[in-house]
N, C-alpha and C. Protein backbone atom coordinates (compact mmCIF):
# COMPACT_ATOMS: atom_id res chain seq x y z
N UNK A 1 -7.28 43.42 3.01
CA UNK A 1 -6.17 43.47 2.07
C UNK A 1 -6.67 43.03 0.70
N UNK A 2 -6.32 43.76 -0.29
CA UNK A 2 -6.72 43.33 -1.63
C UNK A 2 -5.94 42.09 -2.04
N UNK A 3 -6.63 41.17 -2.67
CA UNK A 3 -5.98 39.96 -3.17
C UNK A 3 -5.99 38.81 -2.18
N UNK A 4 -6.34 39.05 -0.91
CA UNK A 4 -6.38 37.94 0.04
C UNK A 4 -7.72 37.23 -0.10
N UNK A 5 -7.68 35.93 0.06
CA UNK A 5 -8.89 35.14 -0.09
C UNK A 5 -9.37 34.72 1.29
N UNK A 6 -10.67 34.88 1.50
CA UNK A 6 -11.26 34.56 2.80
C UNK A 6 -12.46 33.66 2.56
N UNK A 7 -12.68 32.74 3.50
CA UNK A 7 -13.90 31.94 3.46
C UNK A 7 -13.78 30.69 2.61
N UNK A 8 -14.87 30.40 1.88
CA UNK A 8 -14.95 29.15 1.12
C UNK A 8 -13.99 29.07 -0.05
N UNK A 9 -13.51 30.19 -0.52
CA UNK A 9 -12.66 30.17 -1.69
C UNK A 9 -11.19 30.40 -1.36
N UNK A 10 -10.83 30.26 -0.10
CA UNK A 10 -9.43 30.42 0.27
C UNK A 10 -8.63 29.23 -0.27
N UNK A 11 -7.37 29.44 -0.47
CA UNK A 11 -6.51 28.40 -1.04
C UNK A 11 -6.41 27.19 -0.11
N UNK A 12 -6.34 27.44 1.19
CA UNK A 12 -6.21 26.34 2.15
C UNK A 12 -7.47 25.47 2.13
N UNK A 13 -8.65 26.09 2.09
CA UNK A 13 -9.89 25.33 2.06
C UNK A 13 -10.00 24.52 0.77
N UNK A 14 -9.63 25.10 -0.35
CA UNK A 14 -9.70 24.41 -1.63
C UNK A 14 -8.75 23.22 -1.65
N UNK A 15 -7.56 23.37 -1.12
CA UNK A 15 -6.59 22.27 -1.08
C UNK A 15 -7.11 21.13 -0.21
N UNK A 16 -7.68 21.45 0.93
CA UNK A 16 -8.25 20.41 1.80
C UNK A 16 -9.41 19.70 1.12
N UNK A 17 -10.22 20.47 0.41
CA UNK A 17 -11.37 19.88 -0.27
C UNK A 17 -10.90 18.92 -1.35
N UNK A 18 -9.89 19.30 -2.12
CA UNK A 18 -9.36 18.40 -3.15
C UNK A 18 -8.70 17.17 -2.53
N UNK A 19 -8.01 17.33 -1.43
CA UNK A 19 -7.40 16.19 -0.76
C UNK A 19 -8.48 15.23 -0.28
N UNK A 20 -9.55 15.76 0.30
CA UNK A 20 -10.66 14.92 0.75
C UNK A 20 -11.32 14.21 -0.42
N UNK A 21 -11.46 14.89 -1.54
CA UNK A 21 -12.03 14.28 -2.73
C UNK A 21 -11.16 13.13 -3.23
N UNK A 22 -9.84 13.35 -3.30
CA UNK A 22 -8.93 12.29 -3.77
C UNK A 22 -8.91 11.10 -2.82
N UNK A 23 -8.94 11.35 -1.52
CA UNK A 23 -8.95 10.24 -0.56
C UNK A 23 -10.26 9.47 -0.67
N UNK A 24 -11.37 10.15 -0.89
CA UNK A 24 -12.66 9.47 -1.05
C UNK A 24 -12.67 8.59 -2.30
N UNK A 25 -12.17 9.11 -3.39
CA UNK A 25 -12.09 8.32 -4.63
C UNK A 25 -11.17 7.12 -4.42
N UNK A 26 -10.04 7.34 -3.76
CA UNK A 26 -9.09 6.26 -3.48
C UNK A 26 -9.74 5.17 -2.64
N UNK A 27 -10.46 5.56 -1.58
CA UNK A 27 -11.11 4.58 -0.72
C UNK A 27 -12.14 3.76 -1.49
N UNK A 28 -12.93 4.42 -2.32
CA UNK A 28 -13.93 3.70 -3.11
C UNK A 28 -13.26 2.68 -4.03
N UNK A 29 -12.21 3.09 -4.72
CA UNK A 29 -11.52 2.17 -5.63
C UNK A 29 -10.85 1.02 -4.88
N UNK A 30 -10.26 1.32 -3.74
CA UNK A 30 -9.59 0.28 -2.96
C UNK A 30 -10.58 -0.76 -2.47
N UNK A 31 -11.71 -0.33 -1.92
CA UNK A 31 -12.69 -1.29 -1.42
C UNK A 31 -13.28 -2.13 -2.55
N UNK A 32 -13.49 -1.53 -3.71
CA UNK A 32 -14.01 -2.30 -4.85
C UNK A 32 -12.99 -3.36 -5.27
N UNK A 33 -11.72 -2.99 -5.38
CA UNK A 33 -10.72 -3.96 -5.83
C UNK A 33 -10.41 -5.00 -4.77
N UNK A 34 -10.50 -4.65 -3.49
CA UNK A 34 -10.24 -5.63 -2.44
C UNK A 34 -11.22 -6.80 -2.52
N UNK A 35 -12.47 -6.50 -2.81
CA UNK A 35 -13.49 -7.53 -2.73
C UNK A 35 -13.93 -8.07 -4.09
N UNK A 36 -13.36 -7.59 -5.19
CA UNK A 36 -13.84 -8.04 -6.49
C UNK A 36 -12.82 -8.85 -7.29
N UNK A 37 -11.59 -8.95 -6.84
CA UNK A 37 -10.60 -9.68 -7.63
C UNK A 37 -9.59 -10.38 -6.71
N UNK A 38 -8.96 -11.44 -7.23
CA UNK A 38 -7.88 -12.09 -6.46
C UNK A 38 -6.58 -11.30 -6.62
N UNK A 39 -5.53 -11.80 -6.02
CA UNK A 39 -4.22 -11.17 -6.21
C UNK A 39 -3.83 -11.24 -7.68
N UNK A 40 -3.24 -10.18 -8.19
CA UNK A 40 -2.85 -10.13 -9.60
C UNK A 40 -1.68 -11.08 -9.82
N UNK A 41 -1.81 -11.97 -10.82
CA UNK A 41 -0.72 -12.92 -11.07
C UNK A 41 0.60 -12.23 -11.38
N UNK A 42 1.61 -12.87 -11.07
CA UNK A 42 3.03 -12.58 -11.11
C UNK A 42 3.45 -11.64 -9.99
N UNK A 43 3.21 -10.34 -10.08
CA UNK A 43 3.81 -9.43 -9.10
C UNK A 43 3.23 -9.63 -7.70
N UNK A 44 1.91 -9.53 -7.55
CA UNK A 44 1.33 -9.65 -6.21
C UNK A 44 1.47 -11.06 -5.66
N UNK A 45 1.29 -12.06 -6.50
CA UNK A 45 1.43 -13.43 -6.00
C UNK A 45 2.88 -13.74 -5.64
N UNK A 46 3.84 -13.20 -6.40
CA UNK A 46 5.25 -13.42 -6.07
C UNK A 46 5.60 -12.72 -4.76
N UNK A 47 5.11 -11.49 -4.57
CA UNK A 47 5.37 -10.79 -3.31
C UNK A 47 4.75 -11.54 -2.14
N UNK A 48 3.55 -12.08 -2.34
CA UNK A 48 2.91 -12.85 -1.28
C UNK A 48 3.71 -14.11 -0.96
N UNK A 49 4.22 -14.78 -1.99
CA UNK A 49 5.02 -15.99 -1.78
C UNK A 49 6.33 -15.68 -1.07
N UNK A 50 6.99 -14.60 -1.48
CA UNK A 50 8.25 -14.21 -0.83
C UNK A 50 7.99 -13.83 0.63
N UNK A 51 6.94 -13.09 0.87
CA UNK A 51 6.60 -12.70 2.24
C UNK A 51 6.26 -13.92 3.08
N UNK A 52 5.50 -14.85 2.50
CA UNK A 52 5.13 -16.05 3.24
C UNK A 52 6.36 -16.89 3.58
N UNK A 53 7.28 -17.03 2.63
CA UNK A 53 8.47 -17.82 2.90
C UNK A 53 9.33 -17.16 3.98
N UNK A 54 9.43 -15.83 3.94
CA UNK A 54 10.18 -15.13 4.99
C UNK A 54 9.50 -15.30 6.34
N UNK A 55 8.18 -15.24 6.35
CA UNK A 55 7.41 -15.38 7.59
C UNK A 55 7.52 -16.80 8.15
N UNK A 56 7.40 -17.80 7.27
CA UNK A 56 7.43 -19.19 7.72
C UNK A 56 8.82 -19.64 8.15
N UNK A 57 9.86 -19.18 7.44
CA UNK A 57 11.22 -19.63 7.76
C UNK A 57 11.92 -18.72 8.77
N UNK A 58 11.31 -17.58 9.06
CA UNK A 58 11.88 -16.58 9.96
C UNK A 58 13.26 -16.11 9.50
N UNK A 59 13.45 -16.04 8.20
CA UNK A 59 14.68 -15.51 7.61
C UNK A 59 14.31 -14.23 6.88
N UNK A 60 14.69 -13.08 7.44
CA UNK A 60 14.22 -11.79 6.94
C UNK A 60 15.30 -10.97 6.25
N UNK A 61 16.52 -11.44 6.21
CA UNK A 61 17.62 -10.61 5.73
C UNK A 61 17.44 -10.17 4.28
N UNK A 62 17.15 -11.09 3.40
CA UNK A 62 16.90 -10.75 2.00
C UNK A 62 15.79 -11.67 1.49
N UNK A 63 15.10 -11.25 0.41
CA UNK A 63 13.96 -12.04 -0.08
C UNK A 63 14.38 -13.36 -0.70
N UNK A 64 13.71 -14.44 -0.28
CA UNK A 64 13.98 -15.76 -0.83
C UNK A 64 12.66 -16.37 -1.29
N UNK A 65 12.76 -17.21 -2.31
CA UNK A 65 11.62 -17.95 -2.81
C UNK A 65 12.11 -19.34 -3.17
N UNK A 66 11.52 -20.35 -2.58
CA UNK A 66 11.95 -21.74 -2.75
C UNK A 66 13.42 -21.92 -2.36
N UNK A 67 13.83 -21.20 -1.34
CA UNK A 67 15.18 -21.33 -0.82
C UNK A 67 16.26 -20.59 -1.59
N UNK A 68 15.88 -19.85 -2.63
CA UNK A 68 16.86 -19.12 -3.44
C UNK A 68 16.58 -17.63 -3.38
N UNK A 69 17.64 -16.85 -3.51
CA UNK A 69 17.55 -15.39 -3.50
C UNK A 69 16.74 -14.90 -4.70
N UNK A 70 15.83 -13.95 -4.47
CA UNK A 70 15.02 -13.36 -5.53
C UNK A 70 15.55 -11.96 -5.77
N UNK A 71 16.17 -11.74 -6.92
CA UNK A 71 16.85 -10.47 -7.19
C UNK A 71 15.90 -9.36 -7.58
N UNK A 72 14.72 -9.68 -8.11
CA UNK A 72 13.83 -8.63 -8.60
C UNK A 72 12.78 -8.18 -7.59
N UNK A 73 12.96 -8.53 -6.32
CA UNK A 73 12.05 -8.08 -5.27
C UNK A 73 12.83 -7.19 -4.31
N UNK A 74 12.38 -5.95 -4.17
CA UNK A 74 13.00 -5.04 -3.21
C UNK A 74 12.61 -5.49 -1.81
N UNK A 75 13.53 -5.67 -0.89
CA UNK A 75 13.23 -6.30 0.40
C UNK A 75 12.34 -5.50 1.34
N UNK A 76 12.12 -4.22 1.08
CA UNK A 76 11.30 -3.42 2.00
C UNK A 76 9.87 -3.93 2.08
N UNK A 77 9.28 -4.29 0.95
CA UNK A 77 7.88 -4.74 0.95
C UNK A 77 7.70 -6.04 1.74
N UNK A 78 8.51 -7.09 1.50
CA UNK A 78 8.35 -8.28 2.34
C UNK A 78 8.60 -8.01 3.83
N UNK A 79 9.54 -7.13 4.15
CA UNK A 79 9.77 -6.80 5.55
C UNK A 79 8.53 -6.18 6.18
N UNK A 80 7.92 -5.24 5.48
CA UNK A 80 6.72 -4.59 6.01
C UNK A 80 5.58 -5.59 6.12
N UNK A 81 5.41 -6.43 5.10
CA UNK A 81 4.33 -7.41 5.13
C UNK A 81 4.52 -8.42 6.26
N UNK A 82 5.74 -8.88 6.47
CA UNK A 82 6.01 -9.82 7.56
C UNK A 82 5.77 -9.13 8.90
N UNK A 83 6.17 -7.87 9.02
CA UNK A 83 5.90 -7.13 10.26
C UNK A 83 4.42 -7.00 10.55
N UNK A 84 3.63 -6.70 9.52
CA UNK A 84 2.18 -6.62 9.69
C UNK A 84 1.62 -7.99 10.05
N UNK A 85 2.12 -9.04 9.41
CA UNK A 85 1.65 -10.39 9.73
C UNK A 85 1.98 -10.76 11.17
N UNK A 86 3.12 -10.33 11.68
CA UNK A 86 3.46 -10.65 13.06
C UNK A 86 2.54 -9.91 14.04
N UNK A 87 2.03 -8.76 13.63
CA UNK A 87 1.10 -8.02 14.49
C UNK A 87 -0.33 -8.53 14.39
N UNK A 88 -0.77 -8.85 13.16
CA UNK A 88 -2.19 -9.16 12.94
C UNK A 88 -2.47 -10.60 12.55
N UNK A 89 -1.46 -11.34 12.17
CA UNK A 89 -1.67 -12.68 11.65
C UNK A 89 -1.64 -12.67 10.13
N UNK A 90 -1.29 -13.80 9.54
CA UNK A 90 -1.16 -13.88 8.08
C UNK A 90 -2.53 -13.89 7.42
N UNK A 91 -2.75 -12.92 6.55
CA UNK A 91 -4.01 -12.87 5.80
C UNK A 91 -3.81 -12.10 4.51
N UNK A 92 -4.69 -12.36 3.55
CA UNK A 92 -4.64 -11.65 2.28
C UNK A 92 -5.00 -10.18 2.48
N UNK A 93 -5.90 -9.91 3.40
CA UNK A 93 -6.32 -8.53 3.66
C UNK A 93 -5.14 -7.66 4.07
N UNK A 94 -4.25 -8.18 4.91
CA UNK A 94 -3.11 -7.37 5.35
C UNK A 94 -2.15 -7.09 4.19
N UNK A 95 -2.01 -8.04 3.26
CA UNK A 95 -1.18 -7.79 2.07
C UNK A 95 -1.77 -6.66 1.24
N UNK A 96 -3.07 -6.69 1.05
CA UNK A 96 -3.73 -5.65 0.26
C UNK A 96 -3.68 -4.30 0.98
N UNK A 97 -3.77 -4.31 2.29
CA UNK A 97 -3.73 -3.05 3.05
C UNK A 97 -2.37 -2.38 2.90
N UNK A 98 -1.30 -3.15 2.94
CA UNK A 98 0.04 -2.57 2.79
C UNK A 98 0.18 -1.92 1.42
N UNK A 99 -0.25 -2.60 0.37
CA UNK A 99 -0.16 -2.04 -0.98
C UNK A 99 -1.05 -0.80 -1.12
N UNK A 100 -2.18 -0.80 -0.45
CA UNK A 100 -3.08 0.36 -0.51
C UNK A 100 -2.47 1.57 0.18
N UNK A 101 -1.79 1.34 1.28
CA UNK A 101 -1.13 2.45 1.98
C UNK A 101 -0.01 3.03 1.11
N UNK A 102 0.73 2.16 0.43
CA UNK A 102 1.75 2.65 -0.50
C UNK A 102 1.12 3.46 -1.63
N UNK A 103 -0.04 3.01 -2.12
CA UNK A 103 -0.67 3.72 -3.24
C UNK A 103 -1.16 5.09 -2.83
N UNK A 104 -1.70 5.26 -1.62
CA UNK A 104 -2.14 6.60 -1.19
C UNK A 104 -0.93 7.49 -0.96
N UNK A 105 0.18 6.92 -0.51
CA UNK A 105 1.40 7.71 -0.36
C UNK A 105 1.90 8.24 -1.69
N UNK A 106 1.86 7.39 -2.71
CA UNK A 106 2.27 7.82 -4.05
C UNK A 106 1.32 8.89 -4.58
N UNK A 107 0.03 8.74 -4.31
CA UNK A 107 -0.95 9.73 -4.75
C UNK A 107 -0.64 11.10 -4.17
N UNK A 108 -0.31 11.17 -2.90
CA UNK A 108 -0.02 12.46 -2.29
C UNK A 108 1.37 12.99 -2.67
N UNK A 109 2.32 12.10 -2.92
CA UNK A 109 3.64 12.57 -3.34
C UNK A 109 3.65 13.13 -4.75
N UNK A 110 2.80 12.60 -5.61
CA UNK A 110 2.76 13.08 -7.00
C UNK A 110 1.68 14.12 -7.24
N UNK A 111 0.76 14.27 -6.30
CA UNK A 111 -0.36 15.21 -6.48
C UNK A 111 0.07 16.57 -6.16
């Protein structure tokens, strides 16, 4: 058929190749940032504190920090982080892994 693409230059192969390229770049950047810097002050540290307080107090309904409601934190992230902590144990690596999974999801949703 004229106009159909076959082989290495087919649209499906090219899309997979670009997806593999983006995932490879993402993995390289994630591993570099995981091991080269601490949690970014304010946002990441606040999310870690909210997640830790929810985990330690076993109060998961809404995000709290120092016993008070935190209005600027969407509760989905602490819920997911506490769930991961209950499966794997509390660690900084699991916090970074959750954020990394969200970032690859955004990459594919906007790409």
